[in-house]
C-alpha atoms as a PDB file:
ATOM      1  CA  MET A   1       0.000   0.000   0.000  1.00  0.00           C
ATOM      2  CA  GLU A   2       2.788   2.450   0.806  1.00  0.00           C
ATOM      3  CA  GLY A   3       4.104   1.992  -2.719  1.00  0.00           C
ATOM      4  CA  LEU A   4       0.720   2.968  -4.099  1.00  0.00           C
ATOM      5  CA  ILE A   5       0.543   6.053  -1.926  1.00  0.00           C
ATOM      6  CA  ARG A   6       4.107   6.998  -2.787  1.00  0.00           C
ATOM      7  CA  ASN A   7       3.356   6.719  -6.522  1.00  0.00           C
ATOM      8  CA  THR A   8       0.174   8.805  -6.499  1.00  0.00           C
ATOM      9  CA  PRO A   9       0.212  12.460  -7.504  1.00  0.00           C
ATOM     10  CA  HIS A  10       1.414  14.751  -4.711  1.00  0.00           C
ATOM     11  CA  VAL A  11      -1.957  16.371  -3.938  1.00  0.00           C
ATOM     12  CA  TRP A  12      -3.673  12.993  -3.461  1.00  0.00           C
ATOM     13  CA  ARG A  13      -0.747  11.572  -1.505  1.00  0.00           C
ATOM     14  CA  ASP A  14      -1.310  14.291   1.090  1.00  0.00           C
ATOM     15  CA  VAL A  15      -5.025  13.485   1.213  1.00  0.00           C
ATOM     16  CA  LEU A  16      -4.393   9.755   1.540  1.00  0.00           C
ATOM     17  CA  VAL A  17      -1.893  10.106   4.339  1.00  0.00           C
ATOM     18  CA  LYS A  18      -3.133  13.070   6.375  1.00  0.00           C
ATOM     19  CA  GLU A  19      -6.900  13.467   6.078  1.00  0.00           C
ATOM     20  CA  PRO A  20      -9.202  11.603   8.470  1.00  0.00           C
ATOM     21  CA  PRO A  21     -11.804  10.068   8.272  1.00  0.00           C
ATOM     22  CA  LEU A  22     -10.406   8.340   5.164  1.00  0.00           C
ATOM     23  CA  ARG A  23     -10.290   4.581   5.444  1.00  0.00           C
ATOM     24  CA  VAL A  24      -8.555   2.019   3.283  1.00  0.00           C
ATOM     25  CA  ARG A  25     -11.231  -0.477   2.361  1.00  0.00           C
ATOM     26  CA  GLY A  26      -8.928  -3.012   0.841  1.00  0.00           C
ATOM     27  CA  LEU A  27      -5.731  -3.584  -0.989  1.00  0.00           C
ATOM     28  CA  LYS A  28      -6.262  -6.365  -3.488  1.00  0.00           C
ATOM     29  CA  ARG A  29      -3.721  -8.067  -5.649  1.00  0.00           C
ATOM     30  CA  ILE A  30      -5.293  -8.701  -9.015  1.00  0.00           C
ATOM     31  CA  THR A  31      -3.440 -11.136 -11.234  1.00  0.00           C
ATOM     32  CA  GLU A  32      -4.237 -12.681 -14.567  1.00  0.00           C
ATOM     33  CA  PRO A  33      -2.172 -15.240 -16.430  1.00  0.00           C
ATOM     34  CA  LYS A  34       0.652 -13.628 -18.427  1.00  0.00           C
ATOM     35  CA  ARG A  35      -0.263 -10.117 -17.188  1.00  0.00           C
ATOM     36  CA  PRO A  36       1.727  -7.763 -14.945  1.00  0.00           C
ATOM     37  CA  VAL A  37       0.816  -7.814 -11.267  1.00  0.00           C
ATOM     38  CA  THR A  38      -1.945  -5.287 -10.566  1.00  0.00           C
ATOM     39  CA  TYR A  39      -3.012  -3.826  -7.231  1.00  0.00           C
ATOM     40  CA  SER A  40      -6.326  -2.153  -6.499  1.00  0.00           C
ATOM     41  CA  LEU A  41      -6.869   0.162  -3.520  1.00  0.00           C
ATOM     42  CA  HIS A  42     -10.227   1.635  -2.486  1.00  0.00           C
ATOM     43  CA  LEU A  43     -10.524   4.507  -0.036  1.00  0.00           C
ATOM     44  CA  THR A  44     -13.755   5.374   1.707  1.00  0.00           C
ATOM     45  CA  MET A  45     -15.037   8.249   3.808  1.00  0.00           C
ATOM     46  CA  HIS A  46     -18.059   7.557   6.009  1.00  0.00           C
ATOM     47  CA  SER A  47     -18.573   4.238   4.157  1.00  0.00           C
ATOM     48  CA  SER A  48     -18.779   5.970   0.761  1.00  0.00           C
ATOM     49  CA  PRO A  49     -16.103   5.313  -1.856  1.00  0.00           C
ATOM     50  CA  ILE A  50     -14.118   8.400  -2.786  1.00  0.00           C
ATOM     51  CA  LEU A  51     -10.975   7.158  -4.472  1.00  0.00           C
ATOM     52  CA  ARG A  52      -9.970   4.075  -6.393  1.00  0.00           C
ATOM     53  CA  ILE A  53      -6.368   3.520  -7.370  1.00  0.00           C
ATOM     54  CA  VAL A  54      -5.282   0.760  -9.716  1.00  0.00           C
ATOM     55  CA  SER A  55      -1.558   0.297  -9.983  1.00  0.00           C
ATOM     56  CA  LYS A  56       0.401  -1.823 -12.439  1.00  0.00           C
ATOM     57  CA  ARG A  57       4.120  -2.027 -12.787  1.00  0.00           C
ATOM     58  CA  THR A  58       3.910   0.470 -15.614  1.00  0.00           C
ATOM     59  CA  ALA A  59       1.214   2.942 -14.551  1.00  0.00           C
ATOM     60  CA  THR A  60      -1.143   4.061 -11.813  1.00  0.00           C
ATOM     61  CA  THR A  61      -4.687   5.140 -12.581  1.00  0.00           C
ATOM     62  CA  MET A  62      -7.165   6.797 -10.262  1.00  0.00           C
ATOM     63  CA  SER A  63     -10.862   7.480 -10.423  1.00  0.00           C
ATOM     64  CA  LEU A  64     -12.404  10.023  -8.074  1.00  0.00           C
ATOM     65  CA  ASP A  65     -15.919  10.700  -6.893  1.00  0.00           C
ATOM     66  CA  PRO A  66     -16.031  14.523  -7.024  1.00  0.00           C
ATOM     67  CA  SER A  67     -19.162  14.636  -4.853  1.00  0.00           C
ATOM     68  CA  LYS A  68     -17.000  13.682  -1.864  1.00  0.00           C
ATOM     69  CA  PHE A  69     -14.750  16.731  -2.211  1.00  0.00           C
ATOM     70  CA  ASN A  70     -15.204  20.410  -1.452  1.00  0.00           C
ATOM     71  CA  VAL A  71     -14.391  23.496  -3.511  1.00  0.00           C
ATOM     72  CA  LEU A  72     -10.901  23.504  -1.969  1.00  0.00           C
ATOM     73  CA  LYS A  73     -10.298  20.034  -3.499  1.00  0.00           C
ATOM     74  CA  THR A  74     -10.021  18.372  -0.097  1.00  0.00           C
ATOM     75  CA  PRO A  75     -12.454  15.893   1.500  1.00  0.00           C
ATOM     76  CA  LEU A  76     -15.849  17.484   2.121  1.00  0.00           C
ATOM     77  CA  GLN A  77     -16.367  18.416   5.776  1.00  0.00           C
ATOM     78  CA  PRO A  78     -19.705  18.374   7.608  1.00  0.00           C
ATOM     79  CA  LEU A  79     -21.525  21.683   7.925  1.00  0.00           C
ATOM     80  CA  THR A  80     -23.346  20.428  11.014  1.00  0.00           C
ATOM     81  CA  GLN A  81     -22.699  17.377  13.136  1.00  0.00           C
ATOM     82  CA  TYR A  82     -24.552  14.146  12.382  1.00  0.00           C
ATOM     83  CA  GLY A  83     -27.408  13.761  14.813  1.00  0.00           C
ATOM     84  CA  ASP A  84     -27.793  17.500  15.399  1.00  0.00           C
ATOM     85  CA  SER A  85     -31.486  17.392  16.231  1.00  0.00           C
ATOM     86  CA  THR A  86     -32.024  21.138  15.867  1.00  0.00           C
ATOM     87  CA  HIS A  87     -30.726  21.532  12.318  1.00  0.00           C
ATOM     88  CA  PRO A  88     -29.874  18.236  10.600  1.00  0.00           C
ATOM     89  CA  THR A  89     -28.818  19.778   7.290  1.00  0.00           C
ATOM     90  CA  GLY A  90     -28.041  18.359   3.875  1.00  0.00           C
ATOM     91  CA  PHE A  91     -30.186  16.546   1.349  1.00  0.00           C
ATOM     92  CA  PHE A  92     -29.599  13.307   3.280  1.00  0.00           C
ATOM     93  CA  ARG A  93     -29.853  15.092   6.672  1.00  0.00           C
ATOM     94  CA  ASP A  94     -26.380  13.846   7.608  1.00  0.00           C
ATOM     95  CA  GLY A  95     -24.710  17.253   8.015  1.00  0.00           C
ATOM     96  CA  TYR A  96     -23.023  17.195   4.585  1.00  0.00           C
ATOM     97  CA  CYS A  97     -23.765  19.308   1.517  1.00  0.00           C
ATOM     98  CA  TRP A  98     -23.037  16.378  -0.828  1.00  0.00           C
ATOM     99  CA  GLY A  99     -23.212  16.894  -4.564  1.00  0.00           C
ATOM    100  CA  SER A 100     -25.830  14.256  -5.408  1.00  0.00           C
ATOM    101  CA  GLU A 101     -27.815  13.755  -8.604  1.00  0.00           C
ATOM    102  CA  LEU A 102     -30.781  12.854  -6.370  1.00  0.00           C
ATOM    103  CA  ASP A 103     -30.866  16.419  -5.035  1.00  0.00           C
ATOM    104  CA  ARG A 104     -32.816  18.403  -7.634  1.00  0.00           C
ATOM    105  CA  GLY A 105     -32.437  21.571  -5.555  1.00  0.00           C
ATOM    106  CA  GLN A 106     -28.637  21.194  -5.565  1.00  0.00           C
ATOM    107  CA  HIS A 107     -28.118  22.056  -1.885  1.00  0.00           C
ATOM    108  CA  TYR A 108     -24.331  22.145  -2.346  1.00  0.00           C
ATOM    109  CA  ILE A 109     -23.352  25.397  -0.611  1.00  0.00           C
ATOM    110  CA  GLY A 110     -22.525  25.225   3.084  1.00  0.00           C
ATOM    111  CA  GLY A 111     -23.953  28.544   4.180  1.00  0.00           C
ATOM    112  CA  VAL A 112     -24.463  30.575   7.337  1.00  0.00           C
ATOM    113  CA  VAL A 113     -27.738  32.426   6.846  1.00  0.00           C
ATOM    114  CA  SER A 114     -28.450  35.997   7.924  1.00  0.00           C
ATOM    115  CA  GLN A 115     -31.817  37.560   8.673  1.00  0.00           C
ATOM    116  CA  GLU A 116     -31.373  39.631   5.508  1.00  0.00           C
ATOM    117  CA  PHE A 117     -31.005  36.448   3.440  1.00  0.00           C
ATOM    118  CA  LEU A 118     -34.023  34.849   5.122  1.00  0.00           C
ATOM    119  CA  ASP A 119     -36.097  37.945   4.296  1.00  0.00           C
ATOM    120  CA  PHE A 120     -34.774  37.908   0.720  1.00  0.00           C
ATOM    121  CA  SER A 121     -35.613  34.222   0.301  1.00  0.00           C
ATOM    122  CA  LYS A 122     -39.105  34.798   1.709  1.00  0.00           C
ATOM    123  CA  SER A 123     -39.642  37.644  -0.781  1.00  0.00           C
ATOM    124  CA  ARG A 124     -38.805  35.130  -3.534  1.00  0.00           C
ATOM    125  CA  GLY A 125     -41.466  32.687  -2.305  1.00  0.00           C
ATOM    126  CA  ASN A 126     -39.331  30.407  -0.121  1.00  0.00           C
ATOM    127  CA  ASP A 127     -39.906  31.104   3.580  1.00  0.00           C
ATOM    128  CA  LEU A 128     -37.050  29.288   5.302  1.00  0.00           C
ATOM    129  CA  THR A 129     -38.091  30.479   8.761  1.00  0.00           C
ATOM    130  CA  GLN A 130     -41.190  28.268   8.977  1.00  0.00           C
ATOM    131  CA  PRO A 131     -40.829  24.652  10.190  1.00  0.00           C
ATOM    132  CA  SER A 132     -42.265  22.052   7.820  1.00  0.00           C
ATOM    133  CA  GLY A 133     -42.020  18.267   8.204  1.00  0.00           C
ATOM    134  CA  ARG A 134     -38.394  17.371   8.914  1.00  0.00           C
ATOM    135  CA  PHE A 135     -37.349  20.970   8.229  1.00  0.00           C
ATOM    136  CA  PRO A 136     -36.927  22.866  11.523  1.00  0.00           C
ATOM    137  CA  GLY A 137     -37.081  26.413  10.162  1.00  0.00           C
ATOM    138  CA  LEU A 138     -34.030  28.689  10.165  1.00  0.00           C
ATOM    139  CA  LYS A 139     -33.013  31.838  11.994  1.00  0.00           C
ATOM    140  CA  ASP A 140     -30.111  34.268  11.767  1.00  0.00           C
ATOM    141  CA  GLY A 141     -26.791  32.413  12.161  1.00  0.00           C
ATOM    142  CA  CYS A 142     -28.047  28.917  11.277  1.00  0.00           C
ATOM    143  CA  ARG A 143     -25.765  26.723   9.201  1.00  0.00           C
ATOM    144  CA  TRP A 144     -27.660  25.193   6.274  1.00  0.00           C
ATOM    145  CA  CYS A 145     -26.944  23.537   2.926  1.00  0.00           C
ATOM    146  CA  LEU A 146     -28.252  26.090   0.444  1.00  0.00           C
ATOM    147  CA  CYS A 147     -29.431  25.724  -3.143  1.00  0.00           C
ATOM    148  CA  VAL A 148     -26.706  26.917  -5.478  1.00  0.00           C
ATOM    149  CA  GLN A 149     -29.214  28.883  -7.563  1.00  0.00           C
ATOM    150  CA  ARG A 150     -30.696  30.709  -4.534  1.00  0.00           C
ATOM    151  CA  TRP A 151     -27.204  31.629  -3.287  1.00  0.00           C
ATOM    152  CA  LYS A 152     -26.301  32.880  -6.765  1.00  0.00           C
ATOM    153  CA  GLU A 153     -29.571  34.826  -6.932  1.00  0.00           C
ATOM    154  CA  ALA A 154     -28.685  36.530  -3.629  1.00  0.00           C
ATOM    155  CA  LEU A 155     -25.202  37.279  -4.964  1.00  0.00           C
ATOM    156  CA  LEU A 156     -26.625  38.996  -8.048  1.00  0.00           C
ATOM    157  CA  ALA A 157     -29.221  40.886  -5.993  1.00  0.00           C
ATOM    158  CA  SER A 158     -26.511  42.123  -3.617  1.00  0.00           C
ATOM    159  CA  GLU A 159     -25.510  44.691  -6.226  1.00  0.00           C
ATOM    160  CA  THR A 160     -28.706  46.615  -5.444  1.00  0.00           C
ATOM    161  CA  LEU A 161     -29.738  45.255  -2.017  1.00  0.00           C
ATOM    162  CA  GLY A 162     -26.320  45.110  -0.347  1.00  0.00           C
ATOM    163  CA  GLU A 163     -23.943  42.296   0.533  1.00  0.00           C
ATOM    164  CA  LYS A 164     -25.707  41.394   3.788  1.00  0.00           C
ATOM    165  CA  ILE A 165     -28.253  39.329   1.856  1.00  0.00           C
ATOM    166  CA  VAL A 166     -25.543  36.923   0.646  1.00  0.00           C
ATOM    167  CA  PRO A 167     -25.015  34.044   3.106  1.00  0.00           C
ATOM    168  CA  ARG A 168     -21.473  33.466   4.317  1.00  0.00           C
ATOM    169  CA  VAL A 169     -19.917  30.270   2.947  1.00  0.00           C
ATOM    170  CA  ASP A 170     -18.028  27.500   4.726  1.00  0.00           C
ATOM    171  CA  LEU A 171     -15.707  26.501   1.871  1.00  0.00           C
ATOM    172  CA  SER A 172     -14.687  23.225   3.522  1.00  0.00           C
ATOM    173  CA  ALA A 173     -18.369  22.182   3.650  1.00  0.00           C
ATOM    174  CA  THR A 174     -19.316  23.369   0.139  1.00  0.00           C
ATOM    175  CA  ALA A 175     -19.454  20.607  -2.476  1.00  0.00           C
ATOM    176  CA  PHE A 176     -17.097  20.741  -5.438  1.00  0.00           C
ATOM    177  CA  ASP A 177     -20.149  20.430  -7.725  1.00  0.00           C
ATOM    178  CA  ALA A 178     -21.158  23.990  -6.757  1.00  0.00           C
ATOM    179  CA  LEU A 179     -18.355  25.225  -9.020  1.00  0.00           C
ATOM    180  CA  LYS A 180     -20.393  24.159 -12.045  1.00  0.00           C
ATOM    181  CA  GLN A 181     -22.630  27.185 -11.400  1.00  0.00           C
ATOM    182  CA  VAL A 182     -20.673  29.708  -9.314  1.00  0.00           C
ATOM    183  CA  GLU A 183     -17.117  30.975  -9.353  1.00  0.00           C
ATOM    184  CA  LEU A 184     -14.710  30.026  -6.579  1.00  0.00           C
ATOM    185  CA  SER A 185     -13.709  33.693  -6.309  1.00  0.00           C
ATOM    186  CA  ASP A 186     -17.325  34.621  -5.455  1.00  0.00           C
ATOM    187  CA  LEU A 187     -17.515  31.897  -2.816  1.00  0.00           C
ATOM    188  CA  GLU A 188     -14.162  33.006  -1.364  1.00  0.00           C
ATOM    189  CA  ARG A 189     -15.368  36.612  -1.183  1.00  0.00           C
ATOM    190  CA  PHE A 190     -18.139  35.515   1.187  1.00  0.00           C
ATOM    191  CA  ALA A 191     -16.173  32.832   3.038  1.00  0.00           C
ATOM    192  CA  VAL A 192     -16.682  32.360   6.767  1.00  0.00           C
ATOM    193  CA  LYS A 193     -13.679  33.692   8.645  1.00  0.00           C
ATOM    194  CA  LYS A 194     -12.213  30.877  10.724  1.00  0.00           C
END
């Protein structure tokens, strides 16, 4: 396994070695008659596969699941803790703003909402302050996985309504897939100061 990690590109080597909660699911030796020895390594985070490395004597190939990474190209971090009964956020209510094809609303941005944003969203027909079903309702300062389009709408409206309507962004909890619709520089401009 160390040989595989050593032979991976530098950025992924750092992720493989330093970033919890990554787990090695298995190192398998795959052999076929008259073929070079091949090794396969699968890494998982919270039981979901994120990286597969196949190494032969001549080359190493990797396939990544981009939904498991954030806009900083590191493993996606939770916006809220799993089991947080007051605000279990994310499409799967596990605290993560995963980029999933199942999520039609694309709740990929890990945001910290302000009262100004809540008022703005309500004026657009989406009252996020009212509890409904499993949704607890939000208030100023709540951390919530936001729809990329609504965040972008607030960003555009900020030119006339002021920057306070744009939710702050936790970059480590914002899914890489958000970059398909918004610029990293815009997200960084509204990043939560840590």
